[in-house]
Amino acid sequence: MRKLLIAMLSTTLLCSSFSLLAQDLEGNMDILKGSYRTVQKTDDKAEMVRALTDMRAAAESAKTQTPDKLKGQAEDSAQRKDYRAELDKLIGQIDTSLKLANSGDLPGAKEEAKKFADTRDAGHKKFR
């Protein structure tokens, strides 16, 4: 029974990750926003892990895209590198929060997730 449950959960996460890859930048940002709300509100470990996993996939996908403000710039321009670095910072924060959630420390994961808002605000100020 446990193996079946793990297989079903893995398949669900895998399928949700593939659908996230097809999103445009605005769609990825919407996923980040909605999942962030879930992380802040939930007390359910599985729901938090799923939301953080969705956030990570959306941030990874967003790294491959270009905000309107940076379109027309060279791929290796300083601003585009800064954009990707900002998303890498967010992904690192998500990974830390996900590690805490997976270990059962939901309050710690929520506390770590509070840093997401500062990263978001800094990124929006620069690139939106």
C-alpha atoms as a PDB file:
ATOM      1  CA  MET A   1       0.000   0.000   0.000  1.00  0.00           C
ATOM      2  CA  ARG A   2       2.797   2.403   0.909  1.00  0.00           C
ATOM      3  CA  LYS A   3       4.679   1.692  -2.326  1.00  0.00           C
ATOM      4  CA  LEU A   4       1.507   2.368  -4.314  1.00  0.00           C
ATOM      5  CA  LEU A   5       0.988   5.671  -2.519  1.00  0.00           C
ATOM      6  CA  ILE A   6       4.599   6.719  -3.140  1.00  0.00           C
ATOM      7  CA  ALA A   7       4.327   5.753  -6.806  1.00  0.00           C
ATOM      8  CA  MET A   8       1.102   7.740  -7.206  1.00  0.00           C
ATOM      9  CA  LEU A   9       2.581  10.795  -5.475  1.00  0.00           C
ATOM     10  CA  SER A  10       5.734  10.609  -7.603  1.00  0.00           C
ATOM     11  CA  THR A  11       3.707  10.356 -10.796  1.00  0.00           C
ATOM     12  CA  THR A  12       1.567  13.326  -9.790  1.00  0.00           C
ATOM     13  CA  LEU A  13       4.609  15.451  -9.005  1.00  0.00           C
ATOM     14  CA  LEU A  14       6.302  14.426 -12.227  1.00  0.00           C
ATOM     15  CA  CYS A  15       3.250  15.269 -14.322  1.00  0.00           C
ATOM     16  CA  SER A  16       2.774  18.619 -12.592  1.00  0.00           C
ATOM     17  CA  SER A  17       6.434  19.441 -13.217  1.00  0.00           C
ATOM     18  CA  PHE A  18       6.103  18.724 -16.940  1.00  0.00           C
ATOM     19  CA  SER A  19       3.065  20.948 -17.241  1.00  0.00           C
ATOM     20  CA  LEU A  20       4.954  23.737 -15.507  1.00  0.00           C
ATOM     21  CA  LEU A  21       7.688  23.626 -18.105  1.00  0.00           C
ATOM     22  CA  ALA A  22       5.225  24.648 -20.801  1.00  0.00           C
ATOM     23  CA  GLN A  23       4.277  27.880 -19.005  1.00  0.00           C
ATOM     24  CA  ASP A  24       5.231  31.342 -20.202  1.00  0.00           C
ATOM     25  CA  LEU A  25       6.938  33.778 -17.835  1.00  0.00           C
ATOM     26  CA  GLU A  26       3.654  35.275 -16.632  1.00  0.00           C
ATOM     27  CA  GLY A  27       2.261  31.791 -15.997  1.00  0.00           C
ATOM     28  CA  ASN A  28       5.354  30.840 -14.016  1.00  0.00           C
ATOM     29  CA  MET A  29       5.031  33.974 -11.902  1.00  0.00           C
ATOM     30  CA  ASP A  30       1.374  33.145 -11.241  1.00  0.00           C
ATOM     31  CA  ILE A  31       2.400  29.662 -10.090  1.00  0.00           C
ATOM     32  CA  LEU A  32       5.043  31.151  -7.796  1.00  0.00           C
ATOM     33  CA  LYS A  33       2.475  33.549  -6.341  1.00  0.00           C
ATOM     34  CA  GLY A  34      -0.212  30.918  -5.748  1.00  0.00           C
ATOM     35  CA  SER A  35       2.180  28.331  -4.369  1.00  0.00           C
ATOM     36  CA  TYR A  36       3.736  30.909  -2.042  1.00  0.00           C
ATOM     37  CA  ARG A  37       0.296  31.595  -0.573  1.00  0.00           C
ATOM     38  CA  THR A  38      -0.197  27.865  -0.065  1.00  0.00           C
ATOM     39  CA  VAL A  39       3.162  27.519   1.703  1.00  0.00           C
ATOM     40  CA  GLN A  40       2.317  30.372   4.066  1.00  0.00           C
ATOM     41  CA  LYS A  41      -1.166  29.038   4.930  1.00  0.00           C
ATOM     42  CA  THR A  42      -0.910  25.259   5.044  1.00  0.00           C
ATOM     43  CA  ASP A  43      -0.130  23.024   7.991  1.00  0.00           C
ATOM     44  CA  ASP A  44      -0.178  19.902   5.830  1.00  0.00           C
ATOM     45  CA  LYS A  45       3.269  18.519   4.996  1.00  0.00           C
ATOM     46  CA  ALA A  46       2.262  16.957   1.657  1.00  0.00           C
ATOM     47  CA  GLU A  47       0.543  20.149   0.489  1.00  0.00           C
ATOM     48  CA  MET A  48       3.557  22.256   1.456  1.00  0.00           C
ATOM     49  CA  VAL A  49       6.013  19.926  -0.281  1.00  0.00           C
ATOM     50  CA  ARG A  50       3.848  19.951  -3.412  1.00  0.00           C
ATOM     51  CA  ALA A  51       3.621  23.768  -3.397  1.00  0.00           C
ATOM     52  CA  LEU A  52       7.376  24.145  -2.915  1.00  0.00           C
ATOM     53  CA  THR A  53       8.054  21.600  -5.654  1.00  0.00           C
ATOM     54  CA  ASP A  54       5.764  23.530  -8.003  1.00  0.00           C
ATOM     55  CA  MET A  55       7.519  26.769  -7.058  1.00  0.00           C
ATOM     56  CA  ARG A  56      10.923  25.281  -7.808  1.00  0.00           C
ATOM     57  CA  ALA A  57       9.808  24.007 -11.217  1.00  0.00           C
ATOM     58  CA  ALA A  58       8.248  27.392 -12.072  1.00  0.00           C
ATOM     59  CA  ALA A  59      11.413  29.248 -11.038  1.00  0.00           C
ATOM     60  CA  GLU A  60      13.569  26.892 -13.117  1.00  0.00           C
ATOM     61  CA  SER A  61      11.290  27.441 -16.092  1.00  0.00           C
ATOM     62  CA  ALA A  62      11.325  31.218 -15.582  1.00  0.00           C
ATOM     63  CA  LYS A  63      15.126  31.158 -15.764  1.00  0.00           C
ATOM     64  CA  THR A  64      14.887  30.034 -19.391  1.00  0.00           C
ATOM     65  CA  GLN A  65      12.634  32.967 -20.284  1.00  0.00           C
ATOM     66  CA  THR A  66      13.238  36.685 -20.647  1.00  0.00           C
ATOM     67  CA  PRO A  67      11.252  39.473 -19.004  1.00  0.00           C
ATOM     68  CA  ASP A  68       9.992  42.161 -21.384  1.00  0.00           C
ATOM     69  CA  LYS A  69      12.348  44.694 -19.822  1.00  0.00           C
ATOM     70  CA  LEU A  70      15.372  42.604 -20.875  1.00  0.00           C
ATOM     71  CA  LYS A  71      14.251  41.609 -24.371  1.00  0.00           C
ATOM     72  CA  GLY A  72      16.671  42.705 -27.056  1.00  0.00           C
ATOM     73  CA  GLN A  73      19.677  42.400 -24.783  1.00  0.00           C
ATOM     74  CA  ALA A  74      22.445  39.914 -25.437  1.00  0.00           C
ATOM     75  CA  GLU A  75      22.047  36.545 -23.722  1.00  0.00           C
ATOM     76  CA  ASP A  76      25.279  37.133 -21.780  1.00  0.00           C
ATOM     77  CA  SER A  77      24.487  40.742 -20.789  1.00  0.00           C
ATOM     78  CA  ALA A  78      25.010  41.753 -17.166  1.00  0.00           C
ATOM     79  CA  GLN A  79      21.289  42.340 -16.609  1.00  0.00           C
ATOM     80  CA  ARG A  80      20.277  38.931 -17.971  1.00  0.00           C
ATOM     81  CA  LYS A  81      22.926  37.283 -15.791  1.00  0.00           C
ATOM     82  CA  ASP A  82      21.587  39.241 -12.824  1.00  0.00           C
ATOM     83  CA  TYR A  83      18.045  38.049 -13.646  1.00  0.00           C
ATOM     84  CA  ARG A  84      19.149  34.417 -13.649  1.00  0.00           C
ATOM     85  CA  ALA A  85      21.168  34.959 -10.451  1.00  0.00           C
ATOM     86  CA  GLU A  86      18.070  36.368  -8.733  1.00  0.00           C
ATOM     87  CA  LEU A  87      16.109  33.257  -9.715  1.00  0.00           C
ATOM     88  CA  ASP A  88      18.986  31.038  -8.540  1.00  0.00           C
ATOM     89  CA  LYS A  89      18.784  32.811  -5.175  1.00  0.00           C
ATOM     90  CA  LEU A  90      15.052  32.076  -5.016  1.00  0.00           C
ATOM     91  CA  ILE A  91      15.622  28.437  -5.992  1.00  0.00           C
ATOM     92  CA  GLY A  92      18.186  28.116  -3.188  1.00  0.00           C
ATOM     93  CA  GLN A  93      15.677  29.504  -0.709  1.00  0.00           C
ATOM     94  CA  ILE A  94      13.006  27.136  -2.004  1.00  0.00           C
ATOM     95  CA  ASP A  95      15.413  24.193  -1.666  1.00  0.00           C
ATOM     96  CA  THR A  96      16.160  25.138   1.955  1.00  0.00           C
ATOM     97  CA  SER A  97      12.459  25.441   2.742  1.00  0.00           C
ATOM     98  CA  LEU A  98      11.733  22.153   0.936  1.00  0.00           C
ATOM     99  CA  LYS A  99      14.423  20.360   2.950  1.00  0.00           C
ATOM    100  CA  LEU A 100      12.866  21.633   6.182  1.00  0.00           C
ATOM    101  CA  ALA A 101       9.368  20.640   5.047  1.00  0.00           C
ATOM    102  CA  ASN A 102      10.500  17.161   4.050  1.00  0.00           C
ATOM    103  CA  SER A 103      12.041  16.690   7.490  1.00  0.00           C
ATOM    104  CA  GLY A 104       8.730  17.678   9.108  1.00  0.00           C
ATOM    105  CA  ASP A 105       9.798  21.152  10.299  1.00  0.00           C
ATOM    106  CA  LEU A 106       6.852  23.057   8.819  1.00  0.00           C
ATOM    107  CA  PRO A 107       7.296  26.142  11.042  1.00  0.00           C
ATOM    108  CA  GLY A 108      10.949  26.330   9.969  1.00  0.00           C
ATOM    109  CA  ALA A 109       9.966  25.909   6.324  1.00  0.00           C
ATOM    110  CA  LYS A 110       7.424  28.731   6.653  1.00  0.00           C
ATOM    111  CA  GLU A 111      10.009  30.951   8.313  1.00  0.00           C
ATOM    112  CA  GLU A 112      12.478  30.296   5.500  1.00  0.00           C
ATOM    113  CA  ALA A 113       9.724  30.965   2.971  1.00  0.00           C
ATOM    114  CA  LYS A 114       9.288  34.494   4.343  1.00  0.00           C
ATOM    115  CA  LYS A 115      12.560  35.319   2.551  1.00  0.00           C
ATOM    116  CA  PHE A 116      10.859  34.585  -0.783  1.00  0.00           C
ATOM    117  CA  ALA A 117       8.939  37.871  -0.570  1.00  0.00           C
ATOM    118  CA  ASP A 118      12.128  39.935  -0.231  1.00  0.00           C
ATOM    119  CA  THR A 119      13.668  38.138  -3.194  1.00  0.00           C
ATOM    120  CA  ARG A 120      10.483  38.645  -5.208  1.00  0.00           C
ATOM    121  CA  ASP A 121      10.315  42.333  -4.383  1.00  0.00           C
ATOM    122  CA  ALA A 122      13.970  42.897  -5.313  1.00  0.00           C
ATOM    123  CA  GLY A 123      13.508  41.017  -8.585  1.00  0.00           C
ATOM    124  CA  HIS A 124      10.347  42.892  -9.513  1.00  0.00           C
ATOM    125  CA  LYS A 125      12.032  46.221  -8.787  1.00  0.00           C
ATOM    126  CA  LYS A 126      14.884  45.374 -11.171  1.00  0.00           C
ATOM    127  CA  PHE A 127      13.179  43.420 -13.937  1.00  0.00           C
ATOM    128  CA  ARG A 128       9.488  44.231 -14.066  1.00  0.00           C
END
